[in-house]
Structure formats: structure tokens, C-alpha cells
All heavy atoms as atom14 arrays in JSON, in Angstrom:
{
  "sequence": "LYDTRLGLVLIYVGLFSPFGTLLLRAFMLGLPKEMEEAARVDGAGEL",
  "atom14_mask": [
    [1, 1, 1, 1, 1, 1, 1, 1, 0, 0, 0, 0, 0, 0],
    [1, 1, 1, 1, 1, 1, 1, 1, 1, 1, 1, 1, 0, 0],
    [1, 1, 1, 1, 1, 1, 1, 1, 0, 0, 0, 0, 0, 0],
    [1, 1, 1, 1, 1, 1, 1, 0, 0, 0, 0, 0, 0, 0],
    [1, 1, 1, 1, 1, 1, 1, 1, 1, 1, 1, 0, 0, 0],
    [1, 1, 1, 1, 1, 1, 1, 1, 0, 0, 0, 0, 0, 0],
    [1, 1, 1, 1, 0, 0, 0, 0, 0, 0, 0, 0, 0, 0],
    [1, 1, 1, 1, 1, 1, 1, 1, 0, 0, 0, 0, 0, 0],
    [1, 1, 1, 1, 1, 1, 1, 0, 0, 0, 0, 0, 0, 0],
    [1, 1, 1, 1, 1, 1, 1, 1, 0, 0, 0, 0, 0, 0],
    [1, 1, 1, 1, 1, 1, 1, 1, 0, 0, 0, 0, 0, 0],
    [1, 1, 1, 1, 1, 1, 1, 1, 1, 1, 1, 1, 0, 0],
    [1, 1, 1, 1, 1, 1, 1, 0, 0, 0, 0, 0, 0, 0],
    [1, 1, 1, 1, 0, 0, 0, 0, 0, 0, 0, 0, 0, 0],
    [1, 1, 1, 1, 1, 1, 1, 1, 0, 0, 0, 0, 0, 0],
    [1, 1, 1, 1, 1, 1, 1, 1, 1, 1, 1, 0, 0, 0],
    [1, 1, 1, 1, 1, 1, 0, 0, 0, 0, 0, 0, 0, 0],
    [1, 1, 1, 1, 1, 1, 1, 0, 0, 0, 0, 0, 0, 0],
    [1, 1, 1, 1, 1, 1, 1, 1, 1, 1, 1, 0, 0, 0],
    [1, 1, 1, 1, 0, 0, 0, 0, 0, 0, 0, 0, 0, 0],
    [1, 1, 1, 1, 1, 1, 1, 0, 0, 0, 0, 0, 0, 0],
    [1, 1, 1, 1, 1, 1, 1, 1, 0, 0, 0, 0, 0, 0],
    [1, 1, 1, 1, 1, 1, 1, 1, 0, 0, 0, 0, 0, 0],
    [1, 1, 1, 1, 1, 1, 1, 1, 0, 0, 0, 0, 0, 0],
    [1, 1, 1, 1, 1, 1, 1, 1, 1, 1, 1, 0, 0, 0],
    [1, 1, 1, 1, 1, 0, 0, 0, 0, 0, 0, 0, 0, 0],
    [1, 1, 1, 1, 1, 1, 1, 1, 1, 1, 1, 0, 0, 0],
    [1, 1, 1, 1, 1, 1, 1, 1, 0, 0, 0, 0, 0, 0],
    [1, 1, 1, 1, 1, 1, 1, 1, 0, 0, 0, 0, 0, 0],
    [1, 1, 1, 1, 0, 0, 0, 0, 0, 0, 0, 0, 0, 0],
    [1, 1, 1, 1, 1, 1, 1, 1, 0, 0, 0, 0, 0, 0],
    [1, 1, 1, 1, 1, 1, 1, 0, 0, 0, 0, 0, 0, 0],
    [1, 1, 1, 1, 1, 1, 1, 1, 1, 0, 0, 0, 0, 0],
    [1, 1, 1, 1, 1, 1, 1, 1, 1, 0, 0, 0, 0, 0],
    [1, 1, 1, 1, 1, 1, 1, 1, 0, 0, 0, 0, 0, 0],
    [1, 1, 1, 1, 1, 1, 1, 1, 1, 0, 0, 0, 0, 0],
    [1, 1, 1, 1, 1, 1, 1, 1, 1, 0, 0, 0, 0, 0],
    [1, 1, 1, 1, 1, 0, 0, 0, 0, 0, 0, 0, 0, 0],
    [1, 1, 1, 1, 1, 0, 0, 0, 0, 0, 0, 0, 0, 0],
    [1, 1, 1, 1, 1, 1, 1, 1, 1, 1, 1, 0, 0, 0],
    [1, 1, 1, 1, 1, 1, 1, 0, 0, 0, 0, 0, 0, 0],
    [1, 1, 1, 1, 1, 1, 1, 1, 0, 0, 0, 0, 0, 0],
    [1, 1, 1, 1, 0, 0, 0, 0, 0, 0, 0, 0, 0, 0],
    [1, 1, 1, 1, 1, 0, 0, 0, 0, 0, 0, 0, 0, 0],
    [1, 1, 1, 1, 0, 0, 0, 0, 0, 0, 0, 0, 0, 0],
    [1, 1, 1, 1, 1, 1, 1, 1, 1, 0, 0, 0, 0, 0],
    [1, 1, 1, 1, 1, 1, 1, 1, 0, 0, 0, 0, 0, 0]
  ],
  "atom14_positions": [
    [[-11.42, 17.12, -16.14], [-10.92, 17.2, -14.77], [-10.24, 18.52, -14.47], [-9.82, 18.74, -13.32], [-9.92, 16.05, -14.51], [-10.51, 14.64, -14.57], [-9.4, 13.6, -14.46], [-11.54, 14.45, -13.47], [0.0, 0.0, 0.0], [0.0, 0.0, 0.0], [0.0, 0.0, 0.0], [0.0, 0.0, 0.0], [0.0, 0.0, 0.0], [0.0, 0.0, 0.0]],
    [[-10.13, 19.38, -15.46], [-9.51, 20.68, -15.22], [-10.43, 21.56, -14.38], [-11.65, 21.55, -14.55], [-9.21, 21.37, -16.56], [-8.6, 22.75, -16.42], [-7.28, 22.91, -16.03], [-9.36, 23.89, -16.66], [-6.72, 24.16, -15.91], [-8.81, 25.15, -16.54], [-7.49, 25.28, -16.16], [-6.95, 26.54, -16.03], [0.0, 0.0, 0.0], [0.0, 0.0, 0.0]],
    [[-9.85, 22.29, -13.45], [-10.58, 23.17, -12.54], [-11.55, 22.38, -11.66], [-12.67, 22.82, -11.39], [-11.32, 24.26, -13.31], [-11.71, 25.44, -12.42], [-11.07, 25.62, -11.37], [-12.66, 26.16, -12.78], [0.0, 0.0, 0.0], [0.0, 0.0, 0.0], [0.0, 0.0, 0.0], [0.0, 0.0, 0.0], [0.0, 0.0, 0.0], [0.0, 0.0, 0.0]],
    [[-11.12, 21.2, -11.23], [-11.89, 20.4, -10.29], [-10.97, 19.93, -9.16], [-9.78, 19.68, -9.37], [-12.52, 19.17, -10.97], [-11.49, 18.32, -11.48], [-13.43, 19.59, -12.11], [0.0, 0.0, 0.0], [0.0, 0.0, 0.0], [0.0, 0.0, 0.0], [0.0, 0.0, 0.0], [0.0, 0.0, 0.0], [0.0, 0.0, 0.0], [0.0, 0.0, 0.0]],
    [[-11.55, 19.79, -7.99], [-10.76, 19.28, -6.86], [-10.38, 17.81, -7.06], [-9.3, 17.39, -6.65], [-11.54, 19.47, -5.56], [-11.66, 20.92, -5.12], [-12.28, 21.01, -3.74], [-13.69, 20.67, -3.76], [-14.68, 21.56, -3.8], [-14.4, 22.86, -3.78], [-15.94, 21.19, -3.8], [0.0, 0.0, 0.0], [0.0, 0.0, 0.0], [0.0, 0.0, 0.0]],
    [[-11.25, 17.04, -7.72], [-10.93, 15.64, -7.98], [-9.72, 15.52, -8.9], [-8.85, 14.65, -8.67], [-12.14, 14.94, -8.62], [-11.93, 13.49, -9.06], [-11.57, 12.61, -7.87], [-13.18, 12.96, -9.76], [0.0, 0.0, 0.0], [0.0, 0.0, 0.0], [0.0, 0.0, 0.0], [0.0, 0.0, 0.0], [0.0, 0.0, 0.0], [0.0, 0.0, 0.0]],
    [[-9.65, 16.35, -9.91], [-8.49, 16.32, -10.8], [-7.2, 16.63, -10.07], [-6.16, 16.0, -10.31], [0.0, 0.0, 0.0], [0.0, 0.0, 0.0], [0.0, 0.0, 0.0], [0.0, 0.0, 0.0], [0.0, 0.0, 0.0], [0.0, 0.0, 0.0], [0.0, 0.0, 0.0], [0.0, 0.0, 0.0], [0.0, 0.0, 0.0], [0.0, 0.0, 0.0]],
    [[-7.25, 17.6, -9.14], [-6.05, 17.93, -8.37], [-5.67, 16.79, -7.43], [-4.48, 16.49, -7.26], [-6.31, 19.21, -7.57], [-5.09, 19.86, -6.91], [-4.05, 20.26, -7.93], [-5.52, 21.08, -6.09], [0.0, 0.0, 0.0], [0.0, 0.0, 0.0], [0.0, 0.0, 0.0], [0.0, 0.0, 0.0], [0.0, 0.0, 0.0], [0.0, 0.0, 0.0]],
    [[-6.67, 16.12, -6.85], [-6.39, 14.99, -5.97], [-5.71, 13.86, -6.75], [-4.73, 13.26, -6.27], [-7.69, 14.49, -5.32], [-7.48, 13.13, -4.65], [-8.2, 15.5, -4.29], [0.0, 0.0, 0.0], [0.0, 0.0, 0.0], [0.0, 0.0, 0.0], [0.0, 0.0, 0.0], [0.0, 0.0, 0.0], [0.0, 0.0, 0.0], [0.0, 0.0, 0.0]],
    [[-6.19, 13.56, -7.94], [-5.59, 12.49, -8.74], [-4.15, 12.82, -9.12], [-3.29, 11.92, -9.15], [-6.43, 12.24, -10.0], [-7.84, 11.7, -9.77], [-8.58, 11.55, -11.09], [-7.79, 10.37, -9.04], [0.0, 0.0, 0.0], [0.0, 0.0, 0.0], [0.0, 0.0, 0.0], [0.0, 0.0, 0.0], [0.0, 0.0, 0.0], [0.0, 0.0, 0.0]],
    [[-3.87, 14.06, -9.39], [-2.48, 14.45, -9.7], [-1.59, 14.24, -8.48], [-0.48, 13.7, -8.58], [-2.45, 15.92, -10.16], [-3.1, 16.06, -11.54], [-1.0, 16.43, -10.22], [-3.21, 17.5, -12.02], [0.0, 0.0, 0.0], [0.0, 0.0, 0.0], [0.0, 0.0, 0.0], [0.0, 0.0, 0.0], [0.0, 0.0, 0.0], [0.0, 0.0, 0.0]],
    [[-2.07, 14.65, -7.33], [-1.27, 14.48, -6.11], [-1.05, 13.0, -5.78], [0.02, 12.61, -5.31], [-1.96, 15.18, -4.94], [-1.91, 16.68, -5.01], [-2.76, 17.46, -4.22], [-1.02, 17.34, -5.86], [-2.71, 18.84, -4.27], [-0.98, 18.72, -5.92], [-1.83, 19.46, -5.13], [-1.77, 20.83, -5.19], [0.0, 0.0, 0.0], [0.0, 0.0, 0.0]],
    [[-2.07, 12.17, -6.03], [-1.9, 10.74, -5.78], [-0.81, 10.18, -6.68], [0.04, 9.38, -6.24], [-3.23, 10.01, -6.01], [-3.03, 8.49, -5.99], [-4.25, 10.41, -4.95], [0.0, 0.0, 0.0], [0.0, 0.0, 0.0], [0.0, 0.0, 0.0], [0.0, 0.0, 0.0], [0.0, 0.0, 0.0], [0.0, 0.0, 0.0], [0.0, 0.0, 0.0]],
    [[-0.8, 10.59, -7.94], [0.26, 10.14, -8.84], [1.63, 10.64, -8.44], [2.64, 9.94, -8.64], [0.0, 0.0, 0.0], [0.0, 0.0, 0.0], [0.0, 0.0, 0.0], [0.0, 0.0, 0.0], [0.0, 0.0, 0.0], [0.0, 0.0, 0.0], [0.0, 0.0, 0.0], [0.0, 0.0, 0.0], [0.0, 0.0, 0.0], [0.0, 0.0, 0.0]],
    [[1.69, 11.82, -7.86], [2.99, 12.39, -7.46], [3.55, 11.74, -6.2], [4.76, 11.49, -6.1], [2.84, 13.89, -7.23], [2.65, 14.79, -8.45], [2.45, 16.24, -8.02], [3.83, 14.69, -9.4], [0.0, 0.0, 0.0], [0.0, 0.0, 0.0], [0.0, 0.0, 0.0], [0.0, 0.0, 0.0], [0.0, 0.0, 0.0], [0.0, 0.0, 0.0]],
    [[2.69, 11.43, -5.23], [3.16, 11.01, -3.92], [3.08, 9.5, -3.69], [3.65, 9.01, -2.71], [2.35, 11.72, -2.82], [2.33, 13.21, -2.96], [1.15, 13.94, -2.78], [3.48, 13.91, -3.29], [1.13, 15.32, -2.91], [3.47, 15.29, -3.43], [2.29, 15.99, -3.23], [0.0, 0.0, 0.0], [0.0, 0.0, 0.0], [0.0, 0.0, 0.0]],
    [[2.4, 8.76, -4.55], [2.29, 7.31, -4.37], [3.62, 6.58, -4.51], [3.87, 5.62, -3.75], [1.27, 6.73, -5.34], [-0.03, 7.14, -5.0], [0.0, 0.0, 0.0], [0.0, 0.0, 0.0], [0.0, 0.0, 0.0], [0.0, 0.0, 0.0], [0.0, 0.0, 0.0], [0.0, 0.0, 0.0], [0.0, 0.0, 0.0], [0.0, 0.0, 0.0]],
    [[4.51, 6.94, -5.44], [5.79, 6.2, -5.53], [6.6, 6.24, -4.24], [7.07, 5.2, -3.78], [6.51, 6.91, -6.68], [5.42, 7.44, -7.54], [4.34, 7.85, -6.59], [0.0, 0.0, 0.0], [0.0, 0.0, 0.0], [0.0, 0.0, 0.0], [0.0, 0.0, 0.0], [0.0, 0.0, 0.0], [0.0, 0.0, 0.0], [0.0, 0.0, 0.0]],
    [[6.74, 7.41, -3.65], [7.49, 7.49, -2.4], [6.79, 6.72, -1.29], [7.44, 6.02, -0.49], [7.67, 8.95, -1.99], [8.31, 9.11, -0.63], [9.66, 8.93, -0.46], [7.53, 9.43, 0.48], [10.26, 9.07, 0.8], [8.11, 9.58, 1.73], [9.47, 9.4, 1.89], [0.0, 0.0, 0.0], [0.0, 0.0, 0.0], [0.0, 0.0, 0.0]],
    [[5.46, 6.83, -1.21], [4.72, 6.1, -0.19], [4.87, 4.59, -0.35], [5.01, 3.86, 0.63], [0.0, 0.0, 0.0], [0.0, 0.0, 0.0], [0.0, 0.0, 0.0], [0.0, 0.0, 0.0], [0.0, 0.0, 0.0], [0.0, 0.0, 0.0], [0.0, 0.0, 0.0], [0.0, 0.0, 0.0], [0.0, 0.0, 0.0], [0.0, 0.0, 0.0]],
    [[4.87, 4.11, -1.59], [5.05, 2.68, -1.84], [6.44, 2.21, -1.42], [6.59, 1.16, -0.77], [4.82, 2.37, -3.32], [3.5, 2.78, -3.69], [4.98, 0.89, -3.6], [0.0, 0.0, 0.0], [0.0, 0.0, 0.0], [0.0, 0.0, 0.0], [0.0, 0.0, 0.0], [0.0, 0.0, 0.0], [0.0, 0.0, 0.0], [0.0, 0.0, 0.0]],
    [[7.46, 2.98, -1.76], [8.82, 2.61, -1.38], [8.99, 2.6, 0.14], [9.64, 1.71, 0.7], [9.82, 3.57, -2.02], [9.94, 3.51, -3.55], [10.86, 4.62, -4.05], [10.46, 2.14, -3.99], [0.0, 0.0, 0.0], [0.0, 0.0, 0.0], [0.0, 0.0, 0.0], [0.0, 0.0, 0.0], [0.0, 0.0, 0.0], [0.0, 0.0, 0.0]],
    [[8.42, 3.59, 0.81], [8.56, 3.66, 2.25], [7.84, 2.5, 2.94], [8.38, 1.87, 3.86], [8.04, 5.0, 2.76], [8.35, 5.36, 4.21], [8.56, 6.86, 4.35], [7.23, 4.94, 5.16], [0.0, 0.0, 0.0], [0.0, 0.0, 0.0], [0.0, 0.0, 0.0], [0.0, 0.0, 0.0], [0.0, 0.0, 0.0], [0.0, 0.0, 0.0]],
    [[6.61, 2.21, 2.5], [5.86, 1.12, 3.13], [6.46, -0.24, 2.8], [6.42, -1.16, 3.63], [4.4, 1.17, 2.67], [3.55, 2.28, 3.3], [2.13, 2.22, 2.76], [3.54, 2.17, 4.81], [0.0, 0.0, 0.0], [0.0, 0.0, 0.0], [0.0, 0.0, 0.0], [0.0, 0.0, 0.0], [0.0, 0.0, 0.0], [0.0, 0.0, 0.0]],
    [[7.01, -0.41, 1.63], [7.68, -1.68, 1.31], [8.89, -1.89, 2.22], [9.1, -2.99, 2.75], [8.12, -1.69, -0.15], [8.88, -2.96, -0.53], [9.39, -2.9, -1.96], [10.18, -4.09, -2.27], [11.48, -4.2, -2.03], [12.14, -3.19, -1.45], [12.13, -5.31, -2.33], [0.0, 0.0, 0.0], [0.0, 0.0, 0.0], [0.0, 0.0, 0.0]],
    [[9.68, -0.83, 2.4], [10.82, -0.94, 3.31], [10.36, -1.22, 4.74], [11.01, -1.96, 5.48], [11.65, 0.35, 3.27], [0.0, 0.0, 0.0], [0.0, 0.0, 0.0], [0.0, 0.0, 0.0], [0.0, 0.0, 0.0], [0.0, 0.0, 0.0], [0.0, 0.0, 0.0], [0.0, 0.0, 0.0], [0.0, 0.0, 0.0], [0.0, 0.0, 0.0]],
    [[9.23, -0.65, 5.13], [8.68, -0.92, 6.46], [8.21, -2.36, 6.58], [8.43, -3.02, 7.6], [7.53, 0.04, 6.74], [6.91, -0.11, 8.1], [7.48, 0.53, 9.19], [5.78, -0.86, 8.29], [6.92, 0.39, 10.46], [5.22, -1.01, 9.54], [5.79, -0.38, 10.63], [0.0, 0.0, 0.0], [0.0, 0.0, 0.0], [0.0, 0.0, 0.0]],
    [[7.57, -2.89, 5.55], [7.04, -4.24, 5.6], [8.13, -5.29, 5.61], [7.96, -6.38, 6.18], [6.11, -4.48, 4.4], [4.74, -3.85, 4.55], [3.6, -4.56, 3.36], [3.62, -6.27, 3.88], [0.0, 0.0, 0.0], [0.0, 0.0, 0.0], [0.0, 0.0, 0.0], [0.0, 0.0, 0.0], [0.0, 0.0, 0.0], [0.0, 0.0, 0.0]],
    [[9.26, -5.0, 4.98], [10.36, -5.97, 4.98], [10.89, -6.23, 6.38], [11.52, -7.26, 6.62], [11.49, -5.48, 4.06], [11.17, -5.47, 2.56], [12.33, -4.88, 1.78], [10.84, -6.87, 2.06], [0.0, 0.0, 0.0], [0.0, 0.0, 0.0], [0.0, 0.0, 0.0], [0.0, 0.0, 0.0], [0.0, 0.0, 0.0], [0.0, 0.0, 0.0]],
    [[10.68, -5.31, 7.29], [11.11, -5.49, 8.67], [10.09, -6.17, 9.56], [10.37, -6.45, 10.73], [0.0, 0.0, 0.0], [0.0, 0.0, 0.0], [0.0, 0.0, 0.0], [0.0, 0.0, 0.0], [0.0, 0.0, 0.0], [0.0, 0.0, 0.0], [0.0, 0.0, 0.0], [0.0, 0.0, 0.0], [0.0, 0.0, 0.0], [0.0, 0.0, 0.0]],
    [[8.89, -6.46, 9.04], [7.86, -7.13, 9.83], [8.04, -8.65, 9.76], [8.37, -9.19, 8.7], [6.46, -6.76, 9.31], [6.05, -5.29, 9.43], [4.68, -5.08, 8.81], [6.06, -4.83, 10.88], [0.0, 0.0, 0.0], [0.0, 0.0, 0.0], [0.0, 0.0, 0.0], [0.0, 0.0, 0.0], [0.0, 0.0, 0.0], [0.0, 0.0, 0.0]],
    [[7.83, -9.36, 10.85], [7.95, -10.83, 10.81], [6.82, -11.45, 10.0], [5.7, -10.95, 9.96], [7.88, -11.22, 12.29], [7.14, -10.1, 12.95], [7.5, -8.85, 12.2], [0.0, 0.0, 0.0], [0.0, 0.0, 0.0], [0.0, 0.0, 0.0], [0.0, 0.0, 0.0], [0.0, 0.0, 0.0], [0.0, 0.0, 0.0], [0.0, 0.0, 0.0]],
    [[7.14, -12.6, 9.39], [6.18, -13.27, 8.53], [5.43, -14.4, 9.23], [4.56, -15.03, 8.61], [6.9, -13.86, 7.3], [7.61, -12.84, 6.44], [8.28, -13.51, 5.26], [9.0, -12.49, 4.38], [9.67, -13.14, 3.22], [0.0, 0.0, 0.0], [0.0, 0.0, 0.0], [0.0, 0.0, 0.0], [0.0, 0.0, 0.0], [0.0, 0.0, 0.0]],
    [[5.74, -14.67, 10.5], [5.16, -15.83, 11.17], [3.65, -15.73, 11.28], [2.92, -16.71, 11.06], [5.77, -16.0, 12.56], [7.2, -16.53, 12.56], [8.21, -15.48, 12.18], [7.82, -14.29, 12.09], [9.39, -15.82, 11.95], [0.0, 0.0, 0.0], [0.0, 0.0, 0.0], [0.0, 0.0, 0.0], [0.0, 0.0, 0.0], [0.0, 0.0, 0.0]],
    [[3.14, -14.53, 11.63], [1.69, -14.38, 11.79], [0.97, -14.53, 10.45], [-0.12, -15.09, 10.39], [1.38, -13.03, 12.43], [1.8, -12.91, 13.87], [1.25, -11.37, 14.64], [2.2, -10.17, 13.7], [0.0, 0.0, 0.0], [0.0, 0.0, 0.0], [0.0, 0.0, 0.0], [0.0, 0.0, 0.0], [0.0, 0.0, 0.0], [0.0, 0.0, 0.0]],
    [[1.57, -14.03, 9.39], [0.96, -14.19, 8.07], [0.92, -15.66, 7.66], [-0.09, -16.14, 7.12], [1.74, -13.37, 7.04], [1.84, -11.89, 7.38], [2.86, -11.18, 6.5], [3.01, -11.59, 5.34], [3.5, -10.23, 6.98], [0.0, 0.0, 0.0], [0.0, 0.0, 0.0], [0.0, 0.0, 0.0], [0.0, 0.0, 0.0], [0.0, 0.0, 0.0]],
    [[2.01, -16.38, 7.92], [2.04, -17.8, 7.58], [1.04, -18.58, 8.41], [0.39, -19.52, 7.91], [3.46, -18.34, 7.79], [4.48, -17.72, 6.84], [5.9, -18.12, 7.18], [6.09, -18.78, 8.22], [6.81, -17.78, 6.41], [0.0, 0.0, 0.0], [0.0, 0.0, 0.0], [0.0, 0.0, 0.0], [0.0, 0.0, 0.0], [0.0, 0.0, 0.0]],
    [[0.88, -18.2, 9.68], [-0.11, -18.88, 10.52], [-1.53, -18.64, 10.01], [-2.38, -19.55, 10.03], [0.02, -18.4, 11.96], [0.0, 0.0, 0.0], [0.0, 0.0, 0.0], [0.0, 0.0, 0.0], [0.0, 0.0, 0.0], [0.0, 0.0, 0.0], [0.0, 0.0, 0.0], [0.0, 0.0, 0.0], [0.0, 0.0, 0.0], [0.0, 0.0, 0.0]],
    [[-1.8, -17.41, 9.56], [-3.13, -17.12, 9.01], [-3.38, -17.9, 7.73], [-4.51, -18.38, 7.5], [-3.24, -15.61, 8.76], [0.0, 0.0, 0.0], [0.0, 0.0, 0.0], [0.0, 0.0, 0.0], [0.0, 0.0, 0.0], [0.0, 0.0, 0.0], [0.0, 0.0, 0.0], [0.0, 0.0, 0.0], [0.0, 0.0, 0.0], [0.0, 0.0, 0.0]],
    [[-2.37, -18.07, 6.9], [-2.55, -18.85, 5.67], [-2.78, -20.32, 6.0], [-3.55, -21.0, 5.31], [-1.32, -18.69, 4.77], [-1.16, -17.28, 4.19], [-0.07, -17.24, 3.13], [0.1, -15.91, 2.59], [0.99, -15.04, 3.03], [1.81, -15.37, 4.03], [1.08, -13.83, 2.5], [0.0, 0.0, 0.0], [0.0, 0.0, 0.0], [0.0, 0.0, 0.0]],
    [[-2.1, -20.82, 7.02], [-2.32, -22.2, 7.43], [-3.77, -22.41, 7.88], [-4.38, -23.46, 7.64], [-1.33, -22.6, 8.55], [-1.7, -23.95, 9.16], [0.09, -22.64, 8.01], [0.0, 0.0, 0.0], [0.0, 0.0, 0.0], [0.0, 0.0, 0.0], [0.0, 0.0, 0.0], [0.0, 0.0, 0.0], [0.0, 0.0, 0.0], [0.0, 0.0, 0.0]],
    [[-4.33, -21.4, 8.52], [-5.73, -21.48, 8.97], [-6.73, -21.31, 7.84], [-7.94, -21.34, 8.07], [-5.99, -20.42, 10.05], [-5.24, -20.73, 11.33], [-4.89, -21.9, 11.54], [-5.02, -19.78, 12.12], [0.0, 0.0, 0.0], [0.0, 0.0, 0.0], [0.0, 0.0, 0.0], [0.0, 0.0, 0.0], [0.0, 0.0, 0.0], [0.0, 0.0, 0.0]],
    [[-6.24, -21.08, 6.61], [-7.12, -21.0, 5.46], [-7.43, -19.59, 5.0], [-8.31, -19.42, 4.14], [0.0, 0.0, 0.0], [0.0, 0.0, 0.0], [0.0, 0.0, 0.0], [0.0, 0.0, 0.0], [0.0, 0.0, 0.0], [0.0, 0.0, 0.0], [0.0, 0.0, 0.0], [0.0, 0.0, 0.0], [0.0, 0.0, 0.0], [0.0, 0.0, 0.0]],
    [[-6.77, -18.59, 5.53], [-7.04, -17.21, 5.12], [-6.41, -16.93, 3.76], [-5.31, -17.39, 3.46], [-6.47, -16.23, 6.16], [0.0, 0.0, 0.0], [0.0, 0.0, 0.0], [0.0, 0.0, 0.0], [0.0, 0.0, 0.0], [0.0, 0.0, 0.0], [0.0, 0.0, 0.0], [0.0, 0.0, 0.0], [0.0, 0.0, 0.0], [0.0, 0.0, 0.0]],
    [[-7.14, -16.17, 2.93], [-6.61, -15.75, 1.64], [-5.72, -14.53, 1.78], [-5.57, -13.96, 2.85], [0.0, 0.0, 0.0], [0.0, 0.0, 0.0], [0.0, 0.0, 0.0], [0.0, 0.0, 0.0], [0.0, 0.0, 0.0], [0.0, 0.0, 0.0], [0.0, 0.0, 0.0], [0.0, 0.0, 0.0], [0.0, 0.0, 0.0], [0.0, 0.0, 0.0]],
    [[-5.17, -14.12, 0.63], [-4.25, -12.99, 0.66], [-4.94, -11.7, 1.1], [-4.35, -10.9, 1.83], [-3.62, -12.79, -0.73], [-2.66, -13.88, -1.15], [-1.44, -13.94, -0.24], [-1.09, -12.92, 0.39], [-0.83, -15.03, -0.15], [0.0, 0.0, 0.0], [0.0, 0.0, 0.0], [0.0, 0.0, 0.0], [0.0, 0.0, 0.0], [0.0, 0.0, 0.0]],
    [[-6.18, -11.5, 0.67], [-6.89, -10.29, 1.06], [-7.16, -10.29, 2.56], [-7.03, -9.25, 3.23], [-8.2, -10.18, 0.28], [-9.02, -8.9, 0.52], [-8.2, -7.67, 0.14], [-10.31, -8.94, -0.28], [0.0, 0.0, 0.0], [0.0, 0.0, 0.0], [0.0, 0.0, 0.0], [0.0, 0.0, 0.0], [0.0, 0.0, 0.0], [0.0, 0.0, 0.0]]
  ]
}
């Protein structure tokens, strides 16, 4: 992967994913759960 654009992309993903995960988790904690629960009642899976 040395001297390849794919190798550089994978490094950047490893560098920036932790902050992105923390930010999106904090964002999701503020979203209401009612619509998700309604979808599960209708038989929807997690995906």
C-alpha cells in the first residue's frame, strides 16, 4: 500500500474515524427514539 492513493485513504480513515464516531454518537443521543420504536413494531430490522 506504500505509494498508493488507497493506502493514504486508509490511513486517513483510521485517523479521522474516532472523532467522527464520537461526534455522531453525541448527535444521535439527541434524536428521539419514537420513530425507531415504531419501525421495530412494524417488523423492521436494525439495518
